[in-house]
Amino acid sequence: MTIVVTAPEDWRIAGYRVFLAGAIDSGSAVDWQAEVVAALAGRAGLVLLNPRRADYASVRLDEQIGWELDALEAADRILMWFPAGSVAPVSMLETGLYLRSGKLLLGADPGFARRRNLELTAARFGLAVHTSLPALINSLEPE
Protein backbone atom coordinates (compact mmCIF):
# COMPACT_ATOMS: atom_id res chain seq x y z
CA MET A 1 0.00 0.00 0.00
CA THR A 2 1.04 3.55 -0.65
CA ILE A 3 2.13 5.44 2.45
CA VAL A 4 1.53 9.19 2.62
CA VAL A 5 3.77 11.22 4.91
CA THR A 6 2.62 14.79 5.51
CA ALA A 7 4.79 17.58 6.89
CA PRO A 8 6.04 17.63 9.64
CA GLU A 9 5.79 13.83 10.09
CA ASP A 10 8.95 11.71 9.97
CA TRP A 11 9.68 11.00 6.30
CA ARG A 12 12.41 8.43 7.01
CA ILE A 13 10.33 5.45 5.95
CA ALA A 14 11.69 2.66 3.78
CA GLY A 15 10.31 2.62 0.27
CA TYR A 16 10.41 4.47 -3.03
CA ARG A 17 10.03 8.07 -1.86
CA VAL A 18 8.31 10.60 -4.12
CA PHE A 19 8.18 14.22 -3.00
CA LEU A 20 5.06 16.11 -4.12
CA ALA A 21 6.67 19.44 -4.96
CA GLY A 22 4.88 22.36 -6.52
CA ALA A 23 2.46 25.13 -5.82
CA ILE A 24 0.84 25.40 -2.43
CA ASP A 25 0.94 29.22 -2.22
CA SER A 26 0.29 29.22 1.55
CA GLY A 27 -2.79 27.05 1.01
CA SER A 28 -4.39 29.15 -1.75
CA ALA A 29 -3.36 26.87 -4.64
CA VAL A 30 -5.67 24.04 -5.62
CA ASP A 31 -4.96 20.85 -3.64
CA TRP A 32 -3.48 18.96 -6.58
CA GLN A 33 -1.56 16.77 -4.13
CA ALA A 34 -4.84 15.05 -3.19
CA GLU A 35 -5.30 14.05 -6.85
CA VAL A 36 -1.80 12.56 -6.94
CA VAL A 37 -2.38 10.65 -3.70
CA ALA A 38 -5.65 9.22 -5.06
CA ALA A 39 -4.07 8.28 -8.41
CA LEU A 40 -1.13 6.48 -6.78
CA ALA A 41 -3.02 4.79 -3.93
CA GLY A 42 -2.39 1.10 -3.59
CA ARG A 43 1.17 0.94 -4.93
CA ALA A 44 3.25 -1.35 -2.78
CA GLY A 45 6.44 0.23 -1.45
CA LEU A 46 5.54 3.77 -2.53
CA VAL A 47 6.02 6.59 -0.01
CA LEU A 48 4.55 9.97 -0.97
CA LEU A 49 6.12 12.92 0.84
CA ASN A 50 3.46 15.62 0.94
CA PRO A 51 4.47 19.10 2.18
CA ARG A 52 0.86 20.37 2.23
CA ARG A 53 -0.39 20.33 5.79
CA ALA A 54 -3.76 21.21 7.23
CA ASP A 55 -2.36 23.01 10.28
CA TYR A 56 0.19 25.29 8.60
CA ALA A 57 0.81 28.63 10.29
CA SER A 58 3.57 31.15 9.62
CA VAL A 59 5.07 30.46 13.05
CA ARG A 60 5.95 27.00 11.70
CA LEU A 61 7.86 28.36 8.69
CA ASP A 62 11.33 27.24 9.81
CA GLU A 63 10.04 23.75 10.64
CA GLN A 64 8.29 23.55 7.26
CA ILE A 65 11.32 24.69 5.27
CA GLY A 66 13.61 22.28 7.10
CA TRP A 67 11.22 19.37 6.54
CA GLU A 68 10.91 20.16 2.84
CA LEU A 69 14.66 20.53 2.27
CA ASP A 70 15.41 17.24 4.04
CA ALA A 71 12.60 15.35 2.28
CA LEU A 72 13.51 16.74 -1.16
CA GLU A 73 17.08 15.60 -0.71
CA ALA A 74 16.02 12.12 0.43
CA ALA A 75 13.41 11.60 -2.29
CA ASP A 76 14.00 9.13 -5.11
CA ARG A 77 11.78 11.24 -7.38
CA ILE A 78 10.34 14.73 -7.23
CA LEU A 79 6.97 15.35 -8.88
CA MET A 80 6.84 19.13 -9.50
CA TRP A 81 3.46 20.59 -10.56
CA PHE A 82 2.52 24.20 -11.36
CA PRO A 83 -1.27 24.65 -11.64
CA ALA A 84 -2.87 27.55 -13.48
CA GLY A 85 -3.44 30.57 -11.27
CA SER A 86 -0.61 29.78 -8.89
CA VAL A 87 2.47 31.92 -8.24
CA ALA A 88 4.75 29.27 -6.67
CA PRO A 89 8.00 31.20 -6.09
CA VAL A 90 9.38 28.56 -3.74
CA SER A 91 8.58 25.83 -6.26
CA MET A 92 10.44 27.75 -8.96
CA LEU A 93 13.45 27.87 -6.60
CA GLU A 94 13.18 24.14 -5.92
CA THR A 95 12.91 23.45 -9.65
CA GLY A 96 16.22 25.23 -10.17
CA LEU A 97 17.82 23.29 -7.33
CA TYR A 98 16.84 19.91 -8.80
CA LEU A 99 16.93 20.42 -12.60
CA ARG A 100 20.25 18.59 -12.87
CA SER A 101 19.51 15.95 -10.24
CA GLY A 102 18.03 13.32 -12.55
CA LYS A 103 15.10 12.87 -10.18
CA LEU A 104 12.85 15.77 -11.18
CA LEU A 105 9.62 15.18 -13.13
CA LEU A 106 8.13 18.50 -14.18
CA GLY A 107 4.66 19.62 -15.20
CA ALA A 108 2.83 22.91 -15.63
CA ASP A 109 -0.72 23.66 -16.64
CA PRO A 110 -0.85 25.60 -19.94
CA GLY A 111 -2.40 28.46 -17.93
CA PHE A 112 0.53 28.75 -15.52
CA ALA A 113 1.89 32.28 -15.97
CA ARG A 114 5.57 31.27 -15.99
CA ARG A 115 5.17 28.14 -18.08
CA ARG A 116 7.40 29.48 -20.87
CA ASN A 117 10.20 30.09 -18.36
CA LEU A 118 9.91 26.46 -17.29
CA GLU A 119 9.79 25.16 -20.87
CA LEU A 120 12.92 27.00 -21.98
CA THR A 121 14.91 26.21 -18.86
CA ALA A 122 13.85 22.56 -18.80
CA ALA A 123 14.68 22.15 -22.50
CA ARG A 124 18.18 23.44 -21.86
CA PHE A 125 18.68 20.60 -19.37
CA GLY A 126 16.88 17.92 -21.40
CA LEU A 127 13.78 17.76 -19.25
CA ALA A 128 10.18 17.56 -20.51
CA VAL A 129 7.40 19.76 -19.13
CA HIS A 130 4.15 17.79 -18.96
CA THR A 131 0.98 19.71 -19.79
CA SER A 132 -1.42 17.98 -17.40
CA LEU A 133 -1.30 16.53 -13.92
CA PRO A 134 -2.38 13.06 -15.14
CA ALA A 135 0.48 13.10 -17.70
CA LEU A 136 2.93 14.07 -14.96
CA ILE A 137 1.65 11.29 -12.70
CA ASN A 138 1.93 8.77 -15.56
CA SER A 139 5.56 9.79 -16.13
CA LEU A 140 6.44 8.29 -12.74
CA GLU A 141 7.92 4.92 -13.62
CA PRO A 142 7.12 1.93 -11.44
CA GLU A 143 9.54 1.75 -8.52
C-alpha atoms as a PDB file:
ATOM      1  CA  MET A   1       0.000   0.000   0.000  1.00  0.00           C
ATOM      2  CA  THR A   2       1.044   3.554  -0.652  1.00  0.00           C
ATOM      3  CA  ILE A   3       2.125   5.436   2.453  1.00  0.00           C
ATOM      4  CA  VAL A   4       1.530   9.191   2.617  1.00  0.00           C
ATOM      5  CA  VAL A   5       3.766  11.223   4.906  1.00  0.00           C
ATOM      6  CA  THR A   6       2.623  14.788   5.506  1.00  0.00           C
ATOM      7  CA  ALA A   7       4.793  17.582   6.892  1.00  0.00           C
ATOM      8  CA  PRO A   8       6.040  17.632   9.636  1.00  0.00           C
ATOM      9  CA  GLU A   9       5.794  13.826  10.094  1.00  0.00           C
ATOM     10  CA  ASP A  10       8.953  11.715   9.970  1.00  0.00           C
ATOM     11  CA  TRP A  11       9.685  11.002   6.301  1.00  0.00           C
ATOM     12  CA  ARG A  12      12.407   8.429   7.010  1.00  0.00           C
ATOM     13  CA  ILE A  13      10.333   5.448   5.947  1.00  0.00           C
ATOM     14  CA  ALA A  14      11.691   2.662   3.784  1.00  0.00           C
ATOM     15  CA  GLY A  15      10.309   2.618   0.274  1.00  0.00           C
ATOM     16  CA  TYR A  16      10.412   4.470  -3.028  1.00  0.00           C
ATOM     17  CA  ARG A  17      10.033   8.069  -1.862  1.00  0.00           C
ATOM     18  CA  VAL A  18       8.312  10.604  -4.124  1.00  0.00           C
ATOM     19  CA  PHE A  19       8.176  14.225  -2.998  1.00  0.00           C
ATOM     20  CA  LEU A  20       5.058  16.109  -4.121  1.00  0.00           C
ATOM     21  CA  ALA A  21       6.673  19.439  -4.955  1.00  0.00           C
ATOM     22  CA  GLY A  22       4.879  22.365  -6.524  1.00  0.00           C
ATOM     23  CA  ALA A  23       2.463  25.134  -5.818  1.00  0.00           C
ATOM     24  CA  ILE A  24       0.835  25.404  -2.425  1.00  0.00           C
ATOM     25  CA  ASP A  25       0.942  29.219  -2.220  1.00  0.00           C
ATOM     26  CA  SER A  26       0.285  29.225   1.546  1.00  0.00           C
ATOM     27  CA  GLY A  27      -2.788  27.051   1.009  1.00  0.00           C
ATOM     28  CA  SER A  28      -4.388  29.152  -1.750  1.00  0.00           C
ATOM     29  CA  ALA A  29      -3.357  26.869  -4.642  1.00  0.00           C
ATOM     30  CA  VAL A  30      -5.674  24.037  -5.616  1.00  0.00           C
ATOM     31  CA  ASP A  31      -4.963  20.849  -3.638  1.00  0.00           C
ATOM     32  CA  TRP A  32      -3.483  18.962  -6.576  1.00  0.00           C
ATOM     33  CA  GLN A  33      -1.561  16.769  -4.130  1.00  0.00           C
ATOM     34  CA  ALA A  34      -4.845  15.047  -3.189  1.00  0.00           C
ATOM     35  CA  GLU A  35      -5.302  14.045  -6.851  1.00  0.00           C
ATOM     36  CA  VAL A  36      -1.799  12.555  -6.941  1.00  0.00           C
ATOM     37  CA  VAL A  37      -2.379  10.649  -3.696  1.00  0.00           C
ATOM     38  CA  ALA A  38      -5.650   9.219  -5.062  1.00  0.00           C
ATOM     39  CA  ALA A  39      -4.072   8.275  -8.407  1.00  0.00           C
ATOM     40  CA  LEU A  40      -1.135   6.480  -6.777  1.00  0.00           C
ATOM     41  CA  ALA A  41      -3.016   4.793  -3.927  1.00  0.00           C
ATOM     42  CA  GLY A  42      -2.390   1.098  -3.587  1.00  0.00           C
ATOM     43  CA  ARG A  43       1.167   0.941  -4.932  1.00  0.00           C
ATOM     44  CA  ALA A  44       3.253  -1.353  -2.780  1.00  0.00           C
ATOM     45  CA  GLY A  45       6.441   0.229  -1.453  1.00  0.00           C
ATOM     46  CA  LEU A  46       5.542   3.771  -2.534  1.00  0.00           C
ATOM     47  CA  VAL A  47       6.020   6.589  -0.014  1.00  0.00           C
ATOM     48  CA  LEU A  48       4.550   9.969  -0.968  1.00  0.00           C
ATOM     49  CA  LEU A  49       6.118  12.924   0.839  1.00  0.00           C
ATOM     50  CA  ASN A  50       3.460  15.621   0.940  1.00  0.00           C
ATOM     51  CA  PRO A  51       4.472  19.099   2.175  1.00  0.00           C
ATOM     52  CA  ARG A  52       0.855  20.368   2.234  1.00  0.00           C
ATOM     53  CA  ARG A  53      -0.393  20.331   5.793  1.00  0.00           C
ATOM     54  CA  ALA A  54      -3.758  21.214   7.235  1.00  0.00           C
ATOM     55  CA  ASP A  55      -2.357  23.010  10.277  1.00  0.00           C
ATOM     56  CA  TYR A  56       0.193  25.286   8.605  1.00  0.00           C
ATOM     57  CA  ALA A  57       0.809  28.626  10.291  1.00  0.00           C
ATOM     58  CA  SER A  58       3.568  31.147   9.623  1.00  0.00           C
ATOM     59  CA  VAL A  59       5.069  30.458  13.055  1.00  0.00           C
ATOM     60  CA  ARG A  60       5.954  27.000  11.700  1.00  0.00           C
ATOM     61  CA  LEU A  61       7.863  28.359   8.693  1.00  0.00           C
ATOM     62  CA  ASP A  62      11.325  27.242   9.811  1.00  0.00           C
ATOM     63  CA  GLU A  63      10.044  23.751  10.640  1.00  0.00           C
ATOM     64  CA  GLN A  64       8.291  23.549   7.256  1.00  0.00           C
ATOM     65  CA  ILE A  65      11.318  24.693   5.267  1.00  0.00           C
ATOM     66  CA  GLY A  66      13.614  22.285   7.096  1.00  0.00           C
ATOM     67  CA  TRP A  67      11.225  19.374   6.539  1.00  0.00           C
ATOM     68  CA  GLU A  68      10.909  20.158   2.838  1.00  0.00           C
ATOM     69  CA  LEU A  69      14.656  20.533   2.267  1.00  0.00           C
ATOM     70  CA  ASP A  70      15.411  17.235   4.035  1.00  0.00           C
ATOM     71  CA  ALA A  71      12.595  15.349   2.282  1.00  0.00           C
ATOM     72  CA  LEU A  72      13.506  16.737  -1.158  1.00  0.00           C
ATOM     73  CA  GLU A  73      17.079  15.596  -0.706  1.00  0.00           C
ATOM     74  CA  ALA A  74      16.017  12.117   0.433  1.00  0.00           C
ATOM     75  CA  ALA A  75      13.408  11.599  -2.291  1.00  0.00           C
ATOM     76  CA  ASP A  76      14.005   9.134  -5.107  1.00  0.00           C
ATOM     77  CA  ARG A  77      11.780  11.237  -7.383  1.00  0.00           C
ATOM     78  CA  ILE A  78      10.335  14.728  -7.225  1.00  0.00           C
ATOM     79  CA  LEU A  79       6.968  15.350  -8.883  1.00  0.00           C
ATOM     80  CA  MET A  80       6.840  19.128  -9.504  1.00  0.00           C
ATOM     81  CA  TRP A  81       3.461  20.588 -10.557  1.00  0.00           C
ATOM     82  CA  PHE A  82       2.521  24.197 -11.356  1.00  0.00           C
ATOM     83  CA  PRO A  83      -1.268  24.649 -11.639  1.00  0.00           C
ATOM     84  CA  ALA A  84      -2.875  27.552 -13.482  1.00  0.00           C
ATOM     85  CA  GLY A  85      -3.445  30.566 -11.268  1.00  0.00           C
ATOM     86  CA  SER A  86      -0.607  29.784  -8.886  1.00  0.00           C
ATOM     87  CA  VAL A  87       2.469  31.917  -8.241  1.00  0.00           C
ATOM     88  CA  ALA A  88       4.748  29.272  -6.666  1.00  0.00           C
ATOM     89  CA  PRO A  89       8.005  31.203  -6.093  1.00  0.00           C
ATOM     90  CA  VAL A  90       9.385  28.558  -3.745  1.00  0.00           C
ATOM     91  CA  SER A  91       8.583  25.829  -6.259  1.00  0.00           C
ATOM     92  CA  MET A  92      10.444  27.752  -8.960  1.00  0.00           C
ATOM     93  CA  LEU A  93      13.454  27.871  -6.605  1.00  0.00           C
ATOM     94  CA  GLU A  94      13.184  24.139  -5.918  1.00  0.00           C
ATOM     95  CA  THR A  95      12.914  23.447  -9.654  1.00  0.00           C
ATOM     96  CA  GLY A  96      16.221  25.227 -10.171  1.00  0.00           C
ATOM     97  CA  LEU A  97      17.817  23.287  -7.335  1.00  0.00           C
ATOM     98  CA  TYR A  98      16.836  19.913  -8.802  1.00  0.00           C
ATOM     99  CA  LEU A  99      16.932  20.417 -12.596  1.00  0.00           C
ATOM    100  CA  ARG A 100      20.251  18.591 -12.867  1.00  0.00           C
ATOM    101  CA  SER A 101      19.514  15.945 -10.237  1.00  0.00           C
ATOM    102  CA  GLY A 102      18.027  13.323 -12.550  1.00  0.00           C
ATOM    103  CA  LYS A 103      15.101  12.865 -10.178  1.00  0.00           C
ATOM    104  CA  LEU A 104      12.845  15.774 -11.183  1.00  0.00           C
ATOM    105  CA  LEU A 105       9.624  15.185 -13.127  1.00  0.00           C
ATOM    106  CA  LEU A 106       8.129  18.499 -14.184  1.00  0.00           C
ATOM    107  CA  GLY A 107       4.659  19.618 -15.196  1.00  0.00           C
ATOM    108  CA  ALA A 108       2.826  22.906 -15.634  1.00  0.00           C
ATOM    109  CA  ASP A 109      -0.720  23.659 -16.635  1.00  0.00           C
ATOM    110  CA  PRO A 110      -0.845  25.597 -19.943  1.00  0.00           C
ATOM    111  CA  GLY A 111      -2.400  28.460 -17.929  1.00  0.00           C
ATOM    112  CA  PHE A 112       0.528  28.745 -15.519  1.00  0.00           C
ATOM    113  CA  ALA A 113       1.894  32.280 -15.973  1.00  0.00           C
ATOM    114  CA  ARG A 114       5.572  31.268 -15.995  1.00  0.00           C
ATOM    115  CA  ARG A 115       5.171  28.137 -18.083  1.00  0.00           C
ATOM    116  CA  ARG A 116       7.404  29.479 -20.868  1.00  0.00           C
ATOM    117  CA  ASN A 117      10.196  30.095 -18.359  1.00  0.00           C
ATOM    118  CA  LEU A 118       9.911  26.457 -17.289  1.00  0.00           C
ATOM    119  CA  GLU A 119       9.789  25.164 -20.869  1.00  0.00           C
ATOM    120  CA  LEU A 120      12.919  26.996 -21.983  1.00  0.00           C
ATOM    121  CA  THR A 121      14.908  26.210 -18.862  1.00  0.00           C
ATOM    122  CA  ALA A 122      13.849  22.560 -18.799  1.00  0.00           C
ATOM    123  CA  ALA A 123      14.681  22.153 -22.503  1.00  0.00           C
ATOM    124  CA  ARG A 124      18.176  23.444 -21.855  1.00  0.00           C
ATOM    125  CA  PHE A 125      18.684  20.598 -19.369  1.00  0.00           C
ATOM    126  CA  GLY A 126      16.885  17.918 -21.402  1.00  0.00           C
ATOM    127  CA  LEU A 127      13.776  17.764 -19.249  1.00  0.00           C
ATOM    128  CA  ALA A 128      10.183  17.561 -20.510  1.00  0.00           C
ATOM    129  CA  VAL A 129       7.397  19.762 -19.135  1.00  0.00           C
ATOM    130  CA  HIS A 130       4.155  17.790 -18.963  1.00  0.00           C
ATOM    131  CA  THR A 131       0.975  19.709 -19.794  1.00  0.00           C
ATOM    132  CA  SER A 132      -1.423  17.982 -17.401  1.00  0.00           C
ATOM    133  CA  LEU A 133      -1.303  16.533 -13.918  1.00  0.00           C
ATOM    134  CA  PRO A 134      -2.378  13.061 -15.139  1.00  0.00           C
ATOM    135  CA  ALA A 135       0.478  13.099 -17.699  1.00  0.00           C
ATOM    136  CA  LEU A 136       2.932  14.066 -14.956  1.00  0.00           C
ATOM    137  CA  ILE A 137       1.653  11.287 -12.703  1.00  0.00           C
ATOM    138  CA  ASN A 138       1.926   8.774 -15.557  1.00  0.00           C
ATOM    139  CA  SER A 139       5.559   9.785 -16.131  1.00  0.00           C
ATOM    140  CA  LEU A 140       6.442   8.285 -12.744  1.00  0.00           C
ATOM    141  CA  GLU A 141       7.918   4.918 -13.620  1.00  0.00           C
ATOM    142  CA  PRO A 142       7.121   1.927 -11.436  1.00  0.00           C
ATOM    143  CA  GLU A 143       9.536   1.752  -8.520  1.00  0.00           C
END
